[in-house]
Structures are given as structure tokens and as C-alpha cells.
C-alpha atoms as a PDB file:
ATOM      1  CA  MET A   1      15.597   5.560  28.471  1.00  0.00           C
ATOM      2  CA  SER A   2      12.402   7.316  29.505  1.00  0.00           C
ATOM      3  CA  ALA A   3       8.890   6.020  28.787  1.00  0.00           C
ATOM      4  CA  PHE A   4       8.472   8.600  26.035  1.00  0.00           C
ATOM      5  CA  ASN A   5      11.574   7.386  24.222  1.00  0.00           C
ATOM      6  CA  TRP A   6      10.363   3.769  24.450  1.00  0.00           C
ATOM      7  CA  ILE A   7       7.055   4.744  22.918  1.00  0.00           C
ATOM      8  CA  GLU A   8       8.866   6.635  20.171  1.00  0.00           C
ATOM      9  CA  ALA A   9      11.114   3.629  19.461  1.00  0.00           C
ATOM     10  CA  ILE A  10       8.152   1.248  19.355  1.00  0.00           C
ATOM     11  CA  TYR A  11       6.226   3.653  17.117  1.00  0.00           C
ATOM     12  CA  GLY A  12       9.042   3.870  14.580  1.00  0.00           C
ATOM     13  CA  SER A  13       9.738   0.134  14.681  1.00  0.00           C
ATOM     14  CA  MET A  14       6.094  -0.830  14.241  1.00  0.00           C
ATOM     15  CA  GLY A  15       5.695   1.650  11.409  1.00  0.00           C
ATOM     16  CA  LEU A  16       8.621   0.116   9.542  1.00  0.00           C
ATOM     17  CA  ALA A  17       7.421  -3.419  10.306  1.00  0.00           C
ATOM     18  CA  MET A  18       3.979  -2.573   8.934  1.00  0.00           C
ATOM     19  CA  ILE A  19       5.550  -1.315   5.718  1.00  0.00           C
ATOM     20  CA  LEU A  20       7.682  -4.465   5.413  1.00  0.00           C
ATOM     21  CA  PHE A  21       4.521  -6.571   5.641  1.00  0.00           C
ATOM     22  CA  TYR A  22       3.320  -5.089   2.344  1.00  0.00           C
ATOM     23  CA  ILE A  23       6.227  -6.775   0.535  1.00  0.00           C
ATOM     24  CA  PRO A  24       4.888 -10.377   0.643  1.00  0.00           C
ATOM     25  CA  GLN A  25       1.538  -9.159  -0.695  1.00  0.00           C
ATOM     26  CA  ILE A  26       3.271  -7.305  -3.519  1.00  0.00           C
ATOM     27  CA  LYS A  27       5.328 -10.417  -4.380  1.00  0.00           C
ATOM     28  CA  VAL A  28       2.198 -12.592  -4.545  1.00  0.00           C
ATOM     29  CA  LEU A  29       0.471 -10.075  -6.795  1.00  0.00           C
ATOM     30  CA  LEU A  30       3.463  -9.831  -9.118  1.00  0.00           C
ATOM     31  CA  LYS A  31       3.469 -13.629  -9.542  1.00  0.00           C
ATOM     32  CA  ALA A  32      -0.290 -13.851 -10.176  1.00  0.00           C
ATOM     33  CA  SER A  33      -1.276 -15.210 -13.565  1.00  0.00           C
ATOM     34  CA  SER A  34      -5.021 -14.653 -13.446  1.00  0.00           C
ATOM     35  CA  VAL A  35      -7.596 -12.030 -12.536  1.00  0.00           C
ATOM     36  CA  LEU A  36      -7.150 -10.929  -8.922  1.00  0.00           C
ATOM     37  CA  SER A  37     -10.739 -11.396  -7.819  1.00  0.00           C
ATOM     38  CA  GLY A  38      -9.953 -11.186  -4.103  1.00  0.00           C
ATOM     39  CA  MET A  39      -8.369  -7.744  -4.311  1.00  0.00           C
ATOM     40  CA  SER A  40     -10.525  -4.656  -3.878  1.00  0.00           C
ATOM     41  CA  ALA A  41      -9.139  -1.842  -6.013  1.00  0.00           C
ATOM     42  CA  PRO A  42     -11.446   0.760  -4.410  1.00  0.00           C
ATOM     43  CA  THR A  43     -10.235  -0.256  -0.943  1.00  0.00           C
ATOM     44  CA  TRP A  44      -6.544  -0.030  -1.875  1.00  0.00           C
ATOM     45  CA  GLY A  45      -7.210   3.274  -3.635  1.00  0.00           C
ATOM     46  CA  PHE A  46      -8.945   4.625  -0.549  1.00  0.00           C
ATOM     47  CA  TRP A  47      -6.070   3.506   1.693  1.00  0.00           C
ATOM     48  CA  SER A  48      -3.548   5.093  -0.699  1.00  0.00           C
ATOM     49  CA  PHE A  49      -5.413   8.383  -0.580  1.00  0.00           C
ATOM     50  CA  GLY A  50      -5.824   8.095   3.203  1.00  0.00           C
ATOM     51  CA  TYR A  51      -2.094   7.671   3.764  1.00  0.00           C
ATOM     52  CA  LEU A  52      -1.379  10.603   1.444  1.00  0.00           C
ATOM     53  CA  THR A  53      -3.798  12.655   3.530  1.00  0.00           C
ATOM     54  CA  HIS A  54      -1.931  11.558   6.679  1.00  0.00           C
ATOM     55  CA  PHE A  55       1.343  12.625   5.092  1.00  0.00           C
ATOM     56  CA  PHE A  56       0.073  16.086   4.141  1.00  0.00           C
ATOM     57  CA  TYR A  57      -1.507  16.569   7.563  1.00  0.00           C
ATOM     58  CA  GLY A  58       1.716  15.501   9.261  1.00  0.00           C
ATOM     59  CA  TYR A  59       3.751  17.780   7.036  1.00  0.00           C
ATOM     60  CA  THR A  60       1.559  20.844   7.499  1.00  0.00           C
ATOM     61  CA  HIS A  61       0.437  20.427  11.137  1.00  0.00           C
ATOM     62  CA  LEU A  62       2.545  17.954  13.116  1.00  0.00           C
ATOM     63  CA  ASN A  63       6.105  18.683  12.050  1.00  0.00           C
ATOM     64  CA  ASP A  64       6.830  14.975  12.644  1.00  0.00           C
ATOM     65  CA  LEU A  65       9.333  13.603  10.137  1.00  0.00           C
ATOM     66  CA  LYS A  66       8.855   9.960  11.209  1.00  0.00           C
ATOM     67  CA  PHE A  67       5.090  10.205  10.806  1.00  0.00           C
ATOM     68  CA  CYS A  68       5.469  11.835   7.392  1.00  0.00           C
ATOM     69  CA  ILE A  69       7.961   9.240   6.113  1.00  0.00           C
ATOM     70  CA  LEU A  70       5.901   6.301   7.382  1.00  0.00           C
ATOM     71  CA  SER A  71       2.718   7.754   5.902  1.00  0.00           C
ATOM     72  CA  LEU A  72       4.370   8.371   2.548  1.00  0.00           C
ATOM     73  CA  LEU A  73       5.885   4.865   2.450  1.00  0.00           C
ATOM     74  CA  SER A  74       2.526   3.326   3.337  1.00  0.00           C
ATOM     75  CA  ALA A  75       0.838   5.364   0.606  1.00  0.00           C
ATOM     76  CA  PHE A  76       3.458   4.174  -1.878  1.00  0.00           C
ATOM     77  CA  CYS A  77       2.974   0.523  -0.896  1.00  0.00           C
ATOM     78  CA  CYS A  78      -0.820   0.774  -1.116  1.00  0.00           C
ATOM     79  CA  PHE A  79      -0.561   2.533  -4.466  1.00  0.00           C
ATOM     80  CA  THR A  80       1.821  -0.198  -5.699  1.00  0.00           C
ATOM     81  CA  ILE A  81      -0.698  -2.887  -4.729  1.00  0.00           C
ATOM     82  CA  LEU A  82      -3.497  -0.917  -6.387  1.00  0.00           C
ATOM     83  CA  THR A  83      -1.484  -0.485  -9.583  1.00  0.00           C
ATOM     84  CA  ILE A  84      -0.536  -4.169  -9.806  1.00  0.00           C
ATOM     85  CA  THR A  85      -4.133  -5.207  -9.129  1.00  0.00           C
ATOM     86  CA  LEU A  86      -5.543  -2.929 -11.819  1.00  0.00           C
ATOM     87  CA  TYR A  87      -2.865  -3.976 -14.321  1.00  0.00           C
ATOM     88  CA  LYS A  88      -3.281  -7.721 -13.755  1.00  0.00           C
ATOM     89  CA  ASN A  89      -7.079  -7.538 -13.825  1.00  0.00           C
ATOM     90  CA  ARG A  90      -7.055  -5.570 -17.057  1.00  0.00           C
ATOM     91  CA  LYS A  91      -4.441  -7.860 -18.631  1.00  0.00           C
ATOM     92  CA  TYR A  92      -6.155 -11.130 -17.754  1.00  0.00           C
ATOM     93  CA  LYS A  93      -9.715  -9.936 -18.378  1.00  0.00           C
ATOM     94  CA  LYS A  94      -8.626  -8.767 -21.831  1.00  0.00           C
ATOM     95  CA  ALA A  95      -6.982 -12.143 -22.506  1.00  0.00           C
ATOM     96  CA  LYS A  96     -10.086 -14.001 -21.286  1.00  0.00           C
ATOM     97  CA  ASN A  97     -12.377 -11.879 -23.472  1.00  0.00           C
ATOM     98  CA  HIS A  98     -10.101 -12.436 -26.472  1.00  0.00           C
ATOM     99  CA  LEU A  99     -10.225 -16.221 -25.994  1.00  0.00           C
ATOM    100  CA  GLN A 100     -14.022 -16.172 -25.647  1.00  0.00           C
ATOM    101  CA  ASN A 101     -14.431 -14.148 -28.834  1.00  0.00           C
ATOM    102  CA  ALA A 102     -12.068 -16.329 -30.888  1.00  0.00           C
END
């Protein structure tokens, strides 16, 4: 196997590994039962948009299917984290406000 093929194999493997590392974070967020004060919704939103930008750039300029798939999967994972964070924060802030007003 040439050096180029090794780099390509490492690139694909690391990309998939990076995506798999979102899963534990998503599991923790799904189990959360309070406001997620340590999660930055703007940051996760920015990363989601950034990965979507990478996907569209890869699709229109690079013609690299691996890059496009990895970018799209990363965008999906970031968007999932953003969605869970926003949902949990809204749910538990609303519950907290309701208890304070009762």
C-alpha cells in the first residue's frame, strides 16, 4: 500500500471515529434531567453550520465523497446535540419557572 493510500485510510478511519465520539455525549444529554448549563447552544449551532458548509464545499468543489459524508454526519451529530440541548433547557427552565410561580 502506498503512502497516499495509508493517509486515505487513516483519514476515513479518524473521520468515522470522530463521529462515533459524539454518541457518548448524545447519550449523556438524553439522560439529563436538569438544565444543561455547561452546553453552549451557539457553539453547537456554529459547528453544525460549519460542517454543513464543509459538506456543500466538498460537494461543489472537491468531488470527494468521503469528505462529504463525514461532513454531513458531523453536521447531523452537532445538530442533534444542539437540538437536545435546546429542548432540555426549555423543558427544565419552564418547569423551574412553573414551580417558582406556584
